[in-house]
Amino acid sequence: FRSGGKRNKEEADKNSQDQVARFFEPVVLAVTQLKSELSNNKQIEFRISDHHVEIHLGKNRKVRVEVFRYGGGHKFRAIEEGEYEHPEHHAPNGGRNFETSGETINFLAKICAEFIVNQNE
């Protein structure tokens, strides 16, 4: 009797998705807060889902954060895309990995703050 196999796999996938969403939730909440704090800045756009967030800074820079499985747990990866006026500040395209939601949130808040400071110079 094999018909249960597919359903069990779907349930396992759904549980895995739920686990990822729970793990990512602090980042989603913080970025949602950041979005409302920065809602008057038309140069910063946010796209938020259960499994990743994107922040568009001006026309040329995008930072995407997603969760990925690592060993028995999960980590966060921030990937930047864009053109840089100052290539020496450019993080490698492989992105950066973060162990905790706190580190991830600090990184996202920092890049928004730096963007605003540079915007106002």
PDB file of N, CA and C in Angstrom:
ATOM      1  N   PHE A   1       0.854  -1.183   0.000  1.00  0.00           N
ATOM      2  CA  PHE A   1       0.000   0.000   0.000  1.00  0.00           C
ATOM      3  C   PHE A   1       0.891   1.233   0.000  1.00  0.00           C
ATOM      4  N   ARG A   2       0.956   1.957  -1.130  1.00  0.00           N
ATOM      5  CA  ARG A   2       1.953   3.013  -1.270  1.00  0.00           C
ATOM      6  C   ARG A   2       1.366   4.415  -1.346  1.00  0.00           C
ATOM      7  N   SER A   3       0.059   4.548  -1.462  1.00  0.00           N
ATOM      8  CA  SER A   3      -0.490   5.872  -1.757  1.00  0.00           C
ATOM      9  C   SER A   3      -0.234   6.882  -0.629  1.00  0.00           C
ATOM     10  N   GLY A   4       0.029   6.398   0.596  1.00  0.00           N
ATOM     11  CA  GLY A   4       0.296   7.312   1.708  1.00  0.00           C
ATOM     12  C   GLY A   4       1.645   7.995   1.600  1.00  0.00           C
ATOM     13  N   GLY A   5       2.563   7.444   0.824  1.00  0.00           N
ATOM     14  CA  GLY A   5       3.931   7.975   0.744  1.00  0.00           C
ATOM     15  C   GLY A   5       3.984   9.415   0.295  1.00  0.00           C
ATOM     16  N   LYS A   6       3.245   9.733  -0.753  1.00  0.00           N
ATOM     17  CA  LYS A   6       3.265  11.093  -1.281  1.00  0.00           C
ATOM     18  C   LYS A   6       2.690  12.084  -0.257  1.00  0.00           C
ATOM     19  N   ARG A   7       1.594  11.682   0.380  1.00  0.00           N
ATOM     20  CA  ARG A   7       0.987  12.577   1.362  1.00  0.00           C
ATOM     21  C   ARG A   7       1.956  12.821   2.523  1.00  0.00           C
ATOM     22  N   ASN A   8       2.629  11.769   2.974  1.00  0.00           N
ATOM     23  CA  ASN A   8       3.586  11.934   4.068  1.00  0.00           C
ATOM     24  C   ASN A   8       4.724  12.864   3.681  1.00  0.00           C
ATOM     25  N   LYS A   9       5.167  12.750   2.434  1.00  0.00           N
ATOM     26  CA  LYS A   9       6.227  13.641   1.961  1.00  0.00           C
ATOM     27  C   LYS A   9       5.714  15.080   1.937  1.00  0.00           C
ATOM     28  N   GLU A  10       4.494  15.274   1.457  1.00  0.00           N
ATOM     29  CA  GLU A  10       3.925  16.626   1.432  1.00  0.00           C
ATOM     30  C   GLU A  10       3.800  17.184   2.847  1.00  0.00           C
ATOM     31  N   GLU A  11       3.369  16.333   3.794  1.00  0.00           N
ATOM     32  CA  GLU A  11       3.274  16.782   5.183  1.00  0.00           C
ATOM     33  C   GLU A  11       4.641  17.135   5.730  1.00  0.00           C
ATOM     34  N   ALA A  12       5.641  16.308   5.420  1.00  0.00           N
ATOM     35  CA  ALA A  12       7.007  16.582   5.874  1.00  0.00           C
ATOM     36  C   ALA A  12       7.503  17.903   5.279  1.00  0.00           C
ATOM     37  N   ASP A  13       7.230  18.124   3.990  1.00  0.00           N
ATOM     38  CA  ASP A  13       7.621  19.381   3.343  1.00  0.00           C
ATOM     39  C   ASP A  13       6.926  20.563   3.998  1.00  0.00           C
ATOM     40  N   LYS A  14       5.636  20.402   4.291  1.00  0.00           N
ATOM     41  CA  LYS A  14       4.890  21.477   4.917  1.00  0.00           C
ATOM     42  C   LYS A  14       5.453  21.767   6.314  1.00  0.00           C
ATOM     43  N   ASN A  15       5.751  20.700   7.077  1.00  0.00           N
ATOM     44  CA  ASN A  15       6.335  20.891   8.407  1.00  0.00           C
ATOM     45  C   ASN A  15       7.668  21.600   8.315  1.00  0.00           C
ATOM     46  N   SER A  16       8.452  21.228   7.318  1.00  0.00           N
ATOM     47  CA  SER A  16       9.743  21.866   7.105  1.00  0.00           C
ATOM     48  C   SER A  16       9.553  23.355   6.770  1.00  0.00           C
ATOM     49  N   GLN A  17       8.571  23.644   5.910  1.00  0.00           N
ATOM     50  CA  GLN A  17       8.260  25.039   5.561  1.00  0.00           C
ATOM     51  C   GLN A  17       7.807  25.826   6.798  1.00  0.00           C
ATOM     52  N   ASP A  18       6.964  25.194   7.621  1.00  0.00           N
ATOM     53  CA  ASP A  18       6.488  25.839   8.847  1.00  0.00           C
ATOM     54  C   ASP A  18       7.654  26.128   9.788  1.00  0.00           C
ATOM     55  N   GLN A  19       8.562  25.166   9.877  1.00  0.00           N
ATOM     56  CA  GLN A  19       9.734  25.317  10.730  1.00  0.00           C
ATOM     57  C   GLN A  19      10.572  26.510  10.255  1.00  0.00           C
ATOM     58  N   VAL A  20      10.777  26.597   8.954  1.00  0.00           N
ATOM     59  CA  VAL A  20      11.535  27.702   8.376  1.00  0.00           C
ATOM     60  C   VAL A  20      10.829  29.023   8.675  1.00  0.00           C
ATOM     61  N   ALA A  21       9.514  29.049   8.486  1.00  0.00           N
ATOM     62  CA  ALA A  21       8.747  30.270   8.731  1.00  0.00           C
ATOM     63  C   ALA A  21       8.871  30.697  10.194  1.00  0.00           C
ATOM     64  N   ARG A  22       8.802  29.732  11.116  1.00  0.00           N
ATOM     65  CA  ARG A  22       8.950  30.052  12.545  1.00  0.00           C
ATOM     66  C   ARG A  22      10.336  30.593  12.832  1.00  0.00           C
ATOM     67  N   PHE A  23      11.340  29.958  12.244  1.00  0.00           N
ATOM     68  CA  PHE A  23      12.727  30.366  12.449  1.00  0.00           C
ATOM     69  C   PHE A  23      12.959  31.786  11.915  1.00  0.00           C
ATOM     70  N   PHE A  24      12.294  32.099  10.809  1.00  0.00           N
ATOM     71  CA  PHE A  24      12.498  33.377  10.115  1.00  0.00           C
ATOM     72  C   PHE A  24      11.631  34.500  10.690  1.00  0.00           C
ATOM     73  N   GLU A  25      10.634  34.113  11.505  1.00  0.00           N
ATOM     74  CA  GLU A  25       9.648  35.076  11.980  1.00  0.00           C
ATOM     75  C   GLU A  25      10.237  36.329  12.640  1.00  0.00           C
ATOM     76  N   PRO A  26      11.277  36.213  13.516  1.00  0.00           N
ATOM     77  CA  PRO A  26      11.829  37.433  14.114  1.00  0.00           C
ATOM     78  C   PRO A  26      12.356  38.423  13.061  1.00  0.00           C
ATOM     79  N   VAL A  27      12.928  37.892  11.987  1.00  0.00           N
ATOM     80  CA  VAL A  27      13.427  38.760  10.914  1.00  0.00           C
ATOM     81  C   VAL A  27      12.255  39.437  10.215  1.00  0.00           C
ATOM     82  N   VAL A  28      11.211  38.667   9.919  1.00  0.00           N
ATOM     83  CA  VAL A  28      10.022  39.230   9.273  1.00  0.00           C
ATOM     84  C   VAL A  28       9.425  40.345  10.141  1.00  0.00           C
ATOM     85  N   LEU A  29       9.297  40.090  11.436  1.00  0.00           N
ATOM     86  CA  LEU A  29       8.724  41.095  12.335  1.00  0.00           C
ATOM     87  C   LEU A  29       9.586  42.354  12.373  1.00  0.00           C
ATOM     88  N   ALA A  30      10.902  42.178  12.480  1.00  0.00           N
ATOM     89  CA  ALA A  30      11.806  43.332  12.555  1.00  0.00           C
ATOM     90  C   ALA A  30      11.792  44.125  11.250  1.00  0.00           C
ATOM     91  N   VAL A  31      11.795  43.434  10.122  1.00  0.00           N
ATOM     92  CA  VAL A  31      11.802  44.130   8.833  1.00  0.00           C
ATOM     93  C   VAL A  31      10.463  44.828   8.597  1.00  0.00           C
ATOM     94  N   THR A  32       9.379  44.218   9.064  1.00  0.00           N
ATOM     95  CA  THR A  32       8.074  44.869   8.966  1.00  0.00           C
ATOM     96  C   THR A  32       8.079  46.176   9.769  1.00  0.00           C
ATOM     97  N   GLN A  33       8.688  46.131  10.950  1.00  0.00           N
ATOM     98  CA  GLN A  33       8.829  47.334  11.784  1.00  0.00           C
ATOM     99  C   GLN A  33       9.699  48.372  11.070  1.00  0.00           C
ATOM    100  N   LEU A  34      10.824  47.916  10.533  1.00  0.00           N
ATOM    101  CA  LEU A  34      11.736  48.803   9.800  1.00  0.00           C
ATOM    102  C   LEU A  34      11.001  49.463   8.631  1.00  0.00           C
ATOM    103  N   LYS A  35      10.206  48.667   7.929  1.00  0.00           N
ATOM    104  CA  LYS A  35       9.440  49.173   6.796  1.00  0.00           C
ATOM    105  C   LYS A  35       8.518  50.309   7.241  1.00  0.00           C
ATOM    106  N   SER A  36       7.826  50.119   8.364  1.00  0.00           N
ATOM    107  CA  SER A  36       6.910  51.178   8.804  1.00  0.00           C
ATOM    108  C   SER A  36       7.687  52.411   9.277  1.00  0.00           C
ATOM    109  N   GLU A  37       8.836  52.187   9.930  1.00  0.00           N
ATOM    110  CA  GLU A  37       9.672  53.318  10.378  1.00  0.00           C
ATOM    111  C   GLU A  37      10.188  54.138   9.192  1.00  0.00           C
ATOM    112  N   LEU A  38      10.474  53.449   8.091  1.00  0.00           N
ATOM    113  CA  LEU A  38      11.095  54.108   6.933  1.00  0.00           C
ATOM    114  C   LEU A  38      10.088  54.371   5.816  1.00  0.00           C
ATOM    115  N   SER A  39       8.798  54.299   6.141  1.00  0.00           N
ATOM    116  CA  SER A  39       7.775  54.382   5.096  1.00  0.00           C
ATOM    117  C   SER A  39       7.803  55.714   4.359  1.00  0.00           C
ATOM    118  N   ASN A  40       8.370  56.757   4.987  1.00  0.00           N
ATOM    119  CA  ASN A  40       8.427  58.058   4.290  1.00  0.00           C
ATOM    120  C   ASN A  40       9.617  58.153   3.344  1.00  0.00           C
ATOM    121  N   ASN A  41      10.506  57.158   3.362  1.00  0.00           N
ATOM    122  CA  ASN A  41      11.658  57.187   2.461  1.00  0.00           C
ATOM    123  C   ASN A  41      11.312  56.406   1.194  1.00  0.00           C
ATOM    124  N   LYS A  42      11.072  57.140   0.110  1.00  0.00           N
ATOM    125  CA  LYS A  42      10.613  56.505  -1.136  1.00  0.00           C
ATOM    126  C   LYS A  42      11.724  55.738  -1.849  1.00  0.00           C
ATOM    127  N   GLN A  43      12.974  55.922  -1.381  1.00  0.00           N
ATOM    128  CA  GLN A  43      14.101  55.241  -2.028  1.00  0.00           C
ATOM    129  C   GLN A  43      14.306  53.816  -1.504  1.00  0.00           C
ATOM    130  N   ILE A  44      13.640  53.480  -0.416  1.00  0.00           N
ATOM    131  CA  ILE A  44      13.814  52.152   0.172  1.00  0.00           C
ATOM    132  C   ILE A  44      12.498  51.394   0.050  1.00  0.00           C
ATOM    133  N   GLU A  45      12.568  50.248  -0.613  1.00  0.00           N
ATOM    134  CA  GLU A  45      11.377  49.414  -0.777  1.00  0.00           C
ATOM    135  C   GLU A  45      11.614  48.062  -0.134  1.00  0.00           C
ATOM    136  N   PHE A  46      10.564  47.496   0.424  1.00  0.00           N
ATOM    137  CA  PHE A  46      10.655  46.203   1.094  1.00  0.00           C
ATOM    138  C   PHE A  46       9.727  45.206   0.430  1.00  0.00           C
ATOM    139  N   ARG A  47      10.194  43.975   0.299  1.00  0.00           N
ATOM    140  CA  ARG A  47       9.339  42.856  -0.099  1.00  0.00           C
ATOM    141  C   ARG A  47       9.534  41.785   0.962  1.00  0.00           C
ATOM    142  N   ILE A  48       8.445  41.377   1.578  1.00  0.00           N
ATOM    143  CA  ILE A  48       8.547  40.492   2.745  1.00  0.00           C
ATOM    144  C   ILE A  48       7.679  39.261   2.532  1.00  0.00           C
ATOM    145  N   SER A  49       8.249  38.081   2.765  1.00  0.00           N
ATOM    146  CA  SER A  49       7.464  36.846   2.760  1.00  0.00           C
ATOM    147  C   SER A  49       7.882  36.012   3.971  1.00  0.00           C
ATOM    148  N   ASP A  50       7.260  34.853   4.130  1.00  0.00           N
ATOM    149  CA  ASP A  50       7.596  33.986   5.265  1.00  0.00           C
ATOM    150  C   ASP A  50       9.018  33.447   5.225  1.00  0.00           C
ATOM    151  N   HIS A  51       9.612  33.399   4.031  1.00  0.00           N
ATOM    152  CA  HIS A  51      10.894  32.700   3.885  1.00  0.00           C
ATOM    153  C   HIS A  51      12.034  33.583   3.406  1.00  0.00           C
ATOM    154  N   HIS A  52      11.728  34.784   2.979  1.00  0.00           N
ATOM    155  CA  HIS A  52      12.799  35.697   2.596  1.00  0.00           C
ATOM    156  C   HIS A  52      12.302  37.139   2.641  1.00  0.00           C
ATOM    157  N   VAL A  53      13.242  38.055   2.728  1.00  0.00           N
ATOM    158  CA  VAL A  53      12.918  39.476   2.609  1.00  0.00           C
ATOM    159  C   VAL A  53      13.878  40.087   1.612  1.00  0.00           C
ATOM    160  N   GLU A  54      13.388  41.109   0.920  1.00  0.00           N
ATOM    161  CA  GLU A  54      14.243  41.875   0.017  1.00  0.00           C
ATOM    162  C   GLU A  54      14.120  43.330   0.386  1.00  0.00           C
ATOM    163  N   ILE A  55      15.247  44.008   0.385  1.00  0.00           N
ATOM    164  CA  ILE A  55      15.240  45.454   0.579  1.00  0.00           C
ATOM    165  C   ILE A  55      15.905  46.054  -0.651  1.00  0.00           C
ATOM    166  N   HIS A  56      15.174  46.932  -1.325  1.00  0.00           N
ATOM    167  CA  HIS A  56      15.704  47.634  -2.492  1.00  0.00           C
ATOM    168  C   HIS A  56      16.110  49.020  -2.033  1.00  0.00           C
ATOM    169  N   LEU A  57      17.381  49.331  -2.210  1.00  0.00           N
ATOM    170  CA  LEU A  57      17.946  50.606  -1.772  1.00  0.00           C
ATOM    171  C   LEU A  57      18.251  51.426  -3.016  1.00  0.00           C
ATOM    172  N   GLY A  58      17.428  52.427  -3.271  1.00  0.00           N
ATOM    173  CA  GLY A  58      17.600  53.195  -4.493  1.00  0.00           C
ATOM    174  C   GLY A  58      17.322  52.312  -5.696  1.00  0.00           C
ATOM    175  N   LYS A  59      17.889  52.681  -6.829  1.00  0.00           N
ATOM    176  CA  LYS A  59      17.612  51.929  -8.054  1.00  0.00           C
ATOM    177  C   LYS A  59      18.605  50.791  -8.289  1.00  0.00           C
ATOM    178  N   ASN A  60      19.778  50.880  -7.653  1.00  0.00           N
ATOM    179  CA  ASN A  60      20.875  50.002  -8.061  1.00  0.00           C
ATOM    180  C   ASN A  60      21.257  48.922  -7.073  1.00  0.00           C
ATOM    181  N   ARG A  61      20.628  48.891  -5.918  1.00  0.00           N
ATOM    182  CA  ARG A  61      21.104  47.947  -4.915  1.00  0.00           C
ATOM    183  C   ARG A  61      19.936  47.189  -4.301  1.00  0.00           C
ATOM    184  N   LYS A  62      20.133  45.892  -4.182  1.00  0.00           N
ATOM    185  CA  LYS A  62      19.107  45.043  -3.578  1.00  0.00           C
ATOM    186  C   LYS A  62      19.810  44.083  -2.630  1.00  0.00           C
ATOM    187  N   VAL A  63      19.223  43.919  -1.450  1.00  0.00           N
ATOM    188  CA  VAL A  63      19.734  42.944  -0.499  1.00  0.00           C
ATOM    189  C   VAL A  63      18.602  41.965  -0.216  1.00  0.00           C
ATOM    190  N   ARG A  64      18.913  40.707  -0.360  1.00  0.00           N
ATOM    191  CA  ARG A  64      17.911  39.656  -0.123  1.00  0.00           C
ATOM    192  C   ARG A  64      18.425  38.792   1.017  1.00  0.00           C
ATOM    193  N   VAL A  65      17.547  38.495   1.963  1.00  0.00           N
ATOM    194  CA  VAL A  65      17.912  37.600   3.053  1.00  0.00           C
ATOM    195  C   VAL A  65      16.986  36.401   3.003  1.00  0.00           C
ATOM    196  N   GLU A  66      17.576  35.230   3.104  1.00  0.00           N
ATOM    197  CA  GLU A  66      16.771  34.014   3.101  1.00  0.00           C
ATOM    198  C   GLU A  66      17.315  33.054   4.146  1.00  0.00           C
ATOM    199  N   VAL A  67      16.520  32.059   4.446  1.00  0.00           N
ATOM    200  CA  VAL A  67      16.910  31.026   5.403  1.00  0.00           C
ATOM    201  C   VAL A  67      17.390  29.826   4.611  1.00  0.00           C
ATOM    202  N   PHE A  68      18.409  29.156   5.111  1.00  0.00           N
ATOM    203  CA  PHE A  68      18.793  27.900   4.481  1.00  0.00           C
ATOM    204  C   PHE A  68      19.135  26.881   5.564  1.00  0.00           C
ATOM    205  N   ARG A  69      18.980  25.622   5.196  1.00  0.00           N
ATOM    206  CA  ARG A  69      19.290  24.532   6.120  1.00  0.00           C
ATOM    207  C   ARG A  69      20.788  24.427   6.273  1.00  0.00           C
ATOM    208  N   TYR A  70      21.219  24.236   7.507  1.00  0.00           N
ATOM    209  CA  TYR A  70      22.639  24.061   7.749  1.00  0.00           C
ATOM    210  C   TYR A  70      22.784  23.008   8.828  1.00  0.00           C
ATOM    211  N   GLY A  71      23.315  21.861   8.453  1.00  0.00           N
ATOM    212  CA  GLY A  71      23.421  20.769   9.415  1.00  0.00           C
ATOM    213  C   GLY A  71      22.034  20.429   9.940  1.00  0.00           C
ATOM    214  N   GLY A  72      21.894  20.398  11.270  1.00  0.00           N
ATOM    215  CA  GLY A  72      20.607  20.074  11.861  1.00  0.00           C
ATOM    216  C   GLY A  72      19.717  21.287  12.051  1.00  0.00           C
ATOM    217  N   GLY A  73      20.216  22.470  11.697  1.00  0.00           N
ATOM    218  CA  GLY A  73      19.432  23.675  11.944  1.00  0.00           C
ATOM    219  C   GLY A  73      19.302  24.547  10.719  1.00  0.00           C
ATOM    220  N   HIS A  74      19.221  25.836  10.958  1.00  0.00           N
ATOM    221  CA  HIS A  74      19.078  26.801   9.873  1.00  0.00           C
ATOM    222  C   HIS A  74      20.025  27.962  10.116  1.00  0.00           C
ATOM    223  N   LYS A  75      20.368  28.631   9.041  1.00  0.00           N
ATOM    224  CA  LYS A  75      21.124  29.875   9.102  1.00  0.00           C
ATOM    225  C   LYS A  75      20.460  30.864   8.169  1.00  0.00           C
ATOM    226  N   PHE A  76      20.942  32.085   8.227  1.00  0.00           N
ATOM    227  CA  PHE A  76      20.442  33.143   7.351  1.00  0.00           C
ATOM    228  C   PHE A  76      21.544  33.498   6.362  1.00  0.00           C
ATOM    229  N   ARG A  77      21.148  33.820   5.142  1.00  0.00           N
ATOM    230  CA  ARG A  77      22.119  34.266   4.137  1.00  0.00           C
ATOM    231  C   ARG A  77      21.637  35.594   3.573  1.00  0.00           C
ATOM    232  N   ALA A  78      22.541  36.561   3.537  1.00  0.00           N
ATOM    233  CA  ALA A  78      22.240  37.853   2.922  1.00  0.00           C
ATOM    234  C   ALA A  78      23.014  37.928   1.611  1.00  0.00           C
ATOM    235  N   ILE A  79      22.297  38.205   0.541  1.00  0.00           N
ATOM    236  CA  ILE A  79      22.908  38.288  -0.784  1.00  0.00           C
ATOM    237  C   ILE A  79      22.649  39.680  -1.328  1.00  0.00           C
ATOM    238  N   GLU A  80      23.721  40.347  -1.722  1.00  0.00           N
ATOM    239  CA  GLU A  80      23.574  41.693  -2.263  1.00  0.00           C
ATOM    240  C   GLU A  80      23.760  41.669  -3.764  1.00  0.00           C
ATOM    241  N   GLU A  81      22.912  42.451  -4.425  1.00  0.00           N
ATOM    242  CA  GLU A  81      23.075  42.648  -5.860  1.00  0.00           C
ATOM    243  C   GLU A  81      23.074  44.133  -6.099  1.00  0.00           C
ATOM    244  N   GLY A  82      23.870  44.570  -7.054  1.00  0.00           N
ATOM    245  CA  GLY A  82      23.784  45.977  -7.385  1.00  0.00           C
ATOM    246  C   GLY A  82      25.065  46.519  -7.950  1.00  0.00           C
ATOM    247  N   GLU A  83      24.974  47.774  -8.336  1.00  0.00           N
ATOM    248  CA  GLU A  83      26.134  48.496  -8.850  1.00  0.00           C
ATOM    249  C   GLU A  83      26.619  49.376  -7.720  1.00  0.00           C
ATOM    250  N   TYR A  84      27.909  49.502  -7.619  1.00  0.00           N
ATOM    251  CA  TYR A  84      28.482  50.227  -6.490  1.00  0.00           C
ATOM    252  C   TYR A  84      29.323  51.390  -6.957  1.00  0.00           C
ATOM    253  N   GLU A  85      29.095  52.520  -6.333  1.00  0.00           N
ATOM    254  CA  GLU A  85      29.966  53.665  -6.600  1.00  0.00           C
ATOM    255  C   GLU A  85      31.344  53.414  -6.000  1.00  0.00           C
ATOM    256  N   HIS A  86      31.366  52.714  -4.871  1.00  0.00           N
ATOM    257  CA  HIS A  86      32.622  52.447  -4.168  1.00  0.00           C
ATOM    258  C   HIS A  86      32.834  50.938  -4.097  1.00  0.00           C
ATOM    259  N   PRO A  87      33.441  50.348  -5.143  1.00  0.00           N
ATOM    260  CA  PRO A  87      33.555  48.882  -5.187  1.00  0.00           C
ATOM    261  C   PRO A  87      34.307  48.314  -3.986  1.00  0.00           C
ATOM    262  N   GLU A  88      35.151  49.120  -3.335  1.00  0.00           N
ATOM    263  CA  GLU A  88      35.904  48.587  -2.194  1.00  0.00           C
ATOM    264  C   GLU A  88      34.975  48.238  -1.022  1.00  0.00           C
ATOM    265  N   HIS A  89      33.762  48.798  -1.013  1.00  0.00           N
ATOM    266  CA  HIS A  89      32.805  48.471   0.054  1.00  0.00           C
ATOM    267  C   HIS A  89      31.925  47.289  -0.315  1.00  0.00           C
ATOM    268  N   HIS A  90      32.112  46.779  -1.501  1.00  0.00           N
ATOM    269  CA  HIS A  90      31.227  45.737  -2.028  1.00  0.00           C
ATOM    270  C   HIS A  90      31.505  44.399  -1.352  1.00  0.00           C
ATOM    271  N   ALA A  91      30.460  43.812  -0.800  1.00  0.00           N
ATOM    272  CA  ALA A  91      30.593  42.467  -0.226  1.00  0.00           C
ATOM    273  C   ALA A  91      30.607  41.460  -1.371  1.00  0.00           C
ATOM    274  N   PRO A  92      31.356  40.374  -1.233  1.00  0.00           N
ATOM    275  CA  PRO A  92      31.383  39.389  -2.318  1.00  0.00           C
ATOM    276  C   PRO A  92      29.981  38.838  -2.595  1.00  0.00           C
ATOM    277  N   ASN A  93      29.744  38.486  -3.859  1.00  0.00           N
ATOM    278  CA  ASN A  93      28.407  38.040  -4.264  1.00  0.00           C
ATOM    279  C   ASN A  93      27.944  36.765  -3.603  1.00  0.00           C
ATOM    280  N   GLY A  94      28.881  36.002  -3.054  1.00  0.00           N
ATOM    281  CA  GLY A  94      28.482  34.782  -2.373  1.00  0.00           C
ATOM    282  C   GLY A  94      27.593  35.078  -1.182  1.00  0.00           C
ATOM    283  N   GLY A  95      27.592  36.314  -0.753  1.00  0.00           N
ATOM    284  CA  GLY A  95      26.734  36.704   0.351  1.00  0.00           C
ATOM    285  C   GLY A  95      27.411  36.465   1.688  1.00  0.00           C
ATOM    286  N   ARG A  96      26.677  36.798   2.716  1.00  0.00           N
ATOM    287  CA  ARG A  96      27.159  36.614   4.078  1.00  0.00           C
ATOM    288  C   ARG A  96      26.186  35.711   4.800  1.00  0.00           C
ATOM    289  N   ASN A  97      26.732  34.882   5.665  1.00  0.00           N
ATOM    290  CA  ASN A  97      25.885  34.010   6.470  1.00  0.00           C
ATOM    291  C   ASN A  97      25.819  34.531   7.894  1.00  0.00           C
ATOM    292  N   PHE A  98      24.653  34.407   8.495  1.00  0.00           N
ATOM    293  CA  PHE A  98      24.451  34.812   9.880  1.00  0.00           C
ATOM    294  C   PHE A  98      23.885  33.635  10.655  1.00  0.00           C
ATOM    295  N   GLU A  99      24.347  33.500  11.899  1.00  0.00           N
ATOM    296  CA  GLU A  99      23.899  32.410  12.762  1.00  0.00           C
ATOM    297  C   GLU A  99      22.529  32.702  13.348  1.00  0.00           C
ATOM    298  N   THR A 100      22.284  33.965  13.697  1.00  0.00           N
ATOM    299  CA  THR A 100      21.084  34.292  14.467  1.00  0.00           C
ATOM    300  C   THR A 100      20.237  35.342  13.763  1.00  0.00           C
ATOM    301  N   SER A 101      18.966  35.393  14.143  1.00  0.00           N
ATOM    302  CA  SER A 101      18.082  36.425  13.600  1.00  0.00           C
ATOM    303  C   SER A 101      18.570  37.800  14.047  1.00  0.00           C
ATOM    304  N   GLY A 102      19.112  37.902  15.269  1.00  0.00           N
ATOM    305  CA  GLY A 102      19.619  39.183  15.767  1.00  0.00           C
ATOM    306  C   GLY A 102      20.706  39.758  14.879  1.00  0.00           C
ATOM    307  N   GLU A 103      21.688  38.932  14.517  1.00  0.00           N
ATOM    308  CA  GLU A 103      22.770  39.384  13.631  1.00  0.00           C
ATOM    309  C   GLU A 103      22.198  39.832  12.288  1.00  0.00           C
ATOM    310  N   THR A 104      21.246  39.064  11.797  1.00  0.00           N
ATOM    311  CA  THR A 104      20.641  39.352  10.495  1.00  0.00           C
ATOM    312  C   THR A 104      19.915  40.692  10.529  1.00  0.00           C
ATOM    313  N   ILE A 105      19.131  40.906  11.584  1.00  0.00           N
ATOM    314  CA  ILE A 105      18.367  42.143  11.730  1.00  0.00           C
ATOM    315  C   ILE A 105      19.305  43.337  11.870  1.00  0.00           C
ATOM    316  N   ASN A 106      20.370  43.191  12.670  1.00  0.00           N
ATOM    317  CA  ASN A 106      21.350  44.279  12.819  1.00  0.00           C
ATOM    318  C   ASN A 106      21.960  44.648  11.481  1.00  0.00           C
ATOM    319  N   PHE A 107      22.297  43.627  10.688  1.00  0.00           N
ATOM    320  CA  PHE A 107      22.883  43.867   9.370  1.00  0.00           C
ATOM    321  C   PHE A 107      21.914  44.653   8.473  1.00  0.00           C
ATOM    322  N   LEU A 108      20.643  44.238   8.453  1.00  0.00           N
ATOM    323  CA  LEU A 108      19.656  44.906   7.599  1.00  0.00           C
ATOM    324  C   LEU A 108      19.407  46.344   8.053  1.00  0.00           C
ATOM    325  N   ALA A 109      19.315  46.550   9.371  1.00  0.00           N
ATOM    326  CA  ALA A 109      19.114  47.910   9.891  1.00  0.00           C
ATOM    327  C   ALA A 109      20.310  48.778   9.531  1.00  0.00           C
ATOM    328  N   LYS A 110      21.504  48.205   9.623  1.00  0.00           N
ATOM    329  CA  LYS A 110      22.735  48.945   9.339  1.00  0.00           C
ATOM    330  C   LYS A 110      22.801  49.366   7.868  1.00  0.00           C
ATOM    331  N   ILE A 111      22.464  48.462   6.951  1.00  0.00           N
ATOM    332  CA  ILE A 111      22.556  48.860   5.540  1.00  0.00           C
ATOM    333  C   ILE A 111      21.511  49.927   5.206  1.00  0.00           C
ATOM    334  N   CYS A 112      20.339  49.859   5.836  1.00  0.00           N
ATOM    335  CA  CYS A 112      19.334  50.914   5.618  1.00  0.00           C
ATOM    336  C   CYS A 112      19.848  52.247   6.167  1.00  0.00           C
ATOM    337  N   ALA A 113      20.412  52.210   7.370  1.00  0.00           N
ATOM    338  CA  ALA A 113      20.931  53.437   7.991  1.00  0.00           C
ATOM    339  C   ALA A 113      22.055  54.037   7.140  1.00  0.00           C
ATOM    340  N   GLU A 114      22.967  53.197   6.667  1.00  0.00           N
ATOM    341  CA  GLU A 114      24.070  53.690   5.826  1.00  0.00           C
ATOM    342  C   GLU A 114      23.535  54.300   4.538  1.00  0.00           C
ATOM    343  N   PHE A 115      22.526  53.662   3.964  1.00  0.00           N
ATOM    344  CA  PHE A 115      21.936  54.177   2.730  1.00  0.00           C
ATOM    345  C   PHE A 115      21.349  55.566   2.974  1.00  0.00           C
ATOM    346  N   ILE A 116      20.629  55.725   4.087  1.00  0.00           N
ATOM    347  CA  ILE A 116      20.001  57.020   4.400  1.00  0.00           C
ATOM    348  C   ILE A 116      21.059  58.081   4.641  1.00  0.00           C
ATOM    349  N   VAL A 117      22.112  57.749   5.376  1.00  0.00           N
ATOM    350  CA  VAL A 117      23.199  58.707   5.640  1.00  0.00           C
ATOM    351  C   VAL A 117      23.827  59.147   4.315  1.00  0.00           C
ATOM    352  N   ASN A 118      24.130  58.182   3.441  1.00  0.00           N
ATOM    353  CA  ASN A 118      24.753  58.513   2.151  1.00  0.00           C
ATOM    354  C   ASN A 118      23.807  59.330   1.276  1.00  0.00           C
ATOM    355  N   GLN A 119      22.538  59.029   1.388  1.00  0.00           N
ATOM    356  CA  GLN A 119      21.502  59.748   0.611  1.00  0.00           C
ATOM    357  C   GLN A 119      21.475  61.230   0.995  1.00  0.00           C
ATOM    358  N   ASN A 120      21.740  61.496   2.273  1.00  0.00           N
ATOM    359  CA  ASN A 120      21.626  62.859   2.784  1.00  0.00           C
ATOM    360  C   ASN A 120      22.918  63.648   2.722  1.00  0.00           C
ATOM    361  N   GLU A 121      23.990  63.001   2.260  1.00  0.00           N
ATOM    362  CA  GLU A 121      25.281  63.722   2.198  1.00  0.00           C
ATOM    363  C   GLU A 121      25.289  64.701   1.035  1.00  0.00           C
TER     364      GLU A 121
END
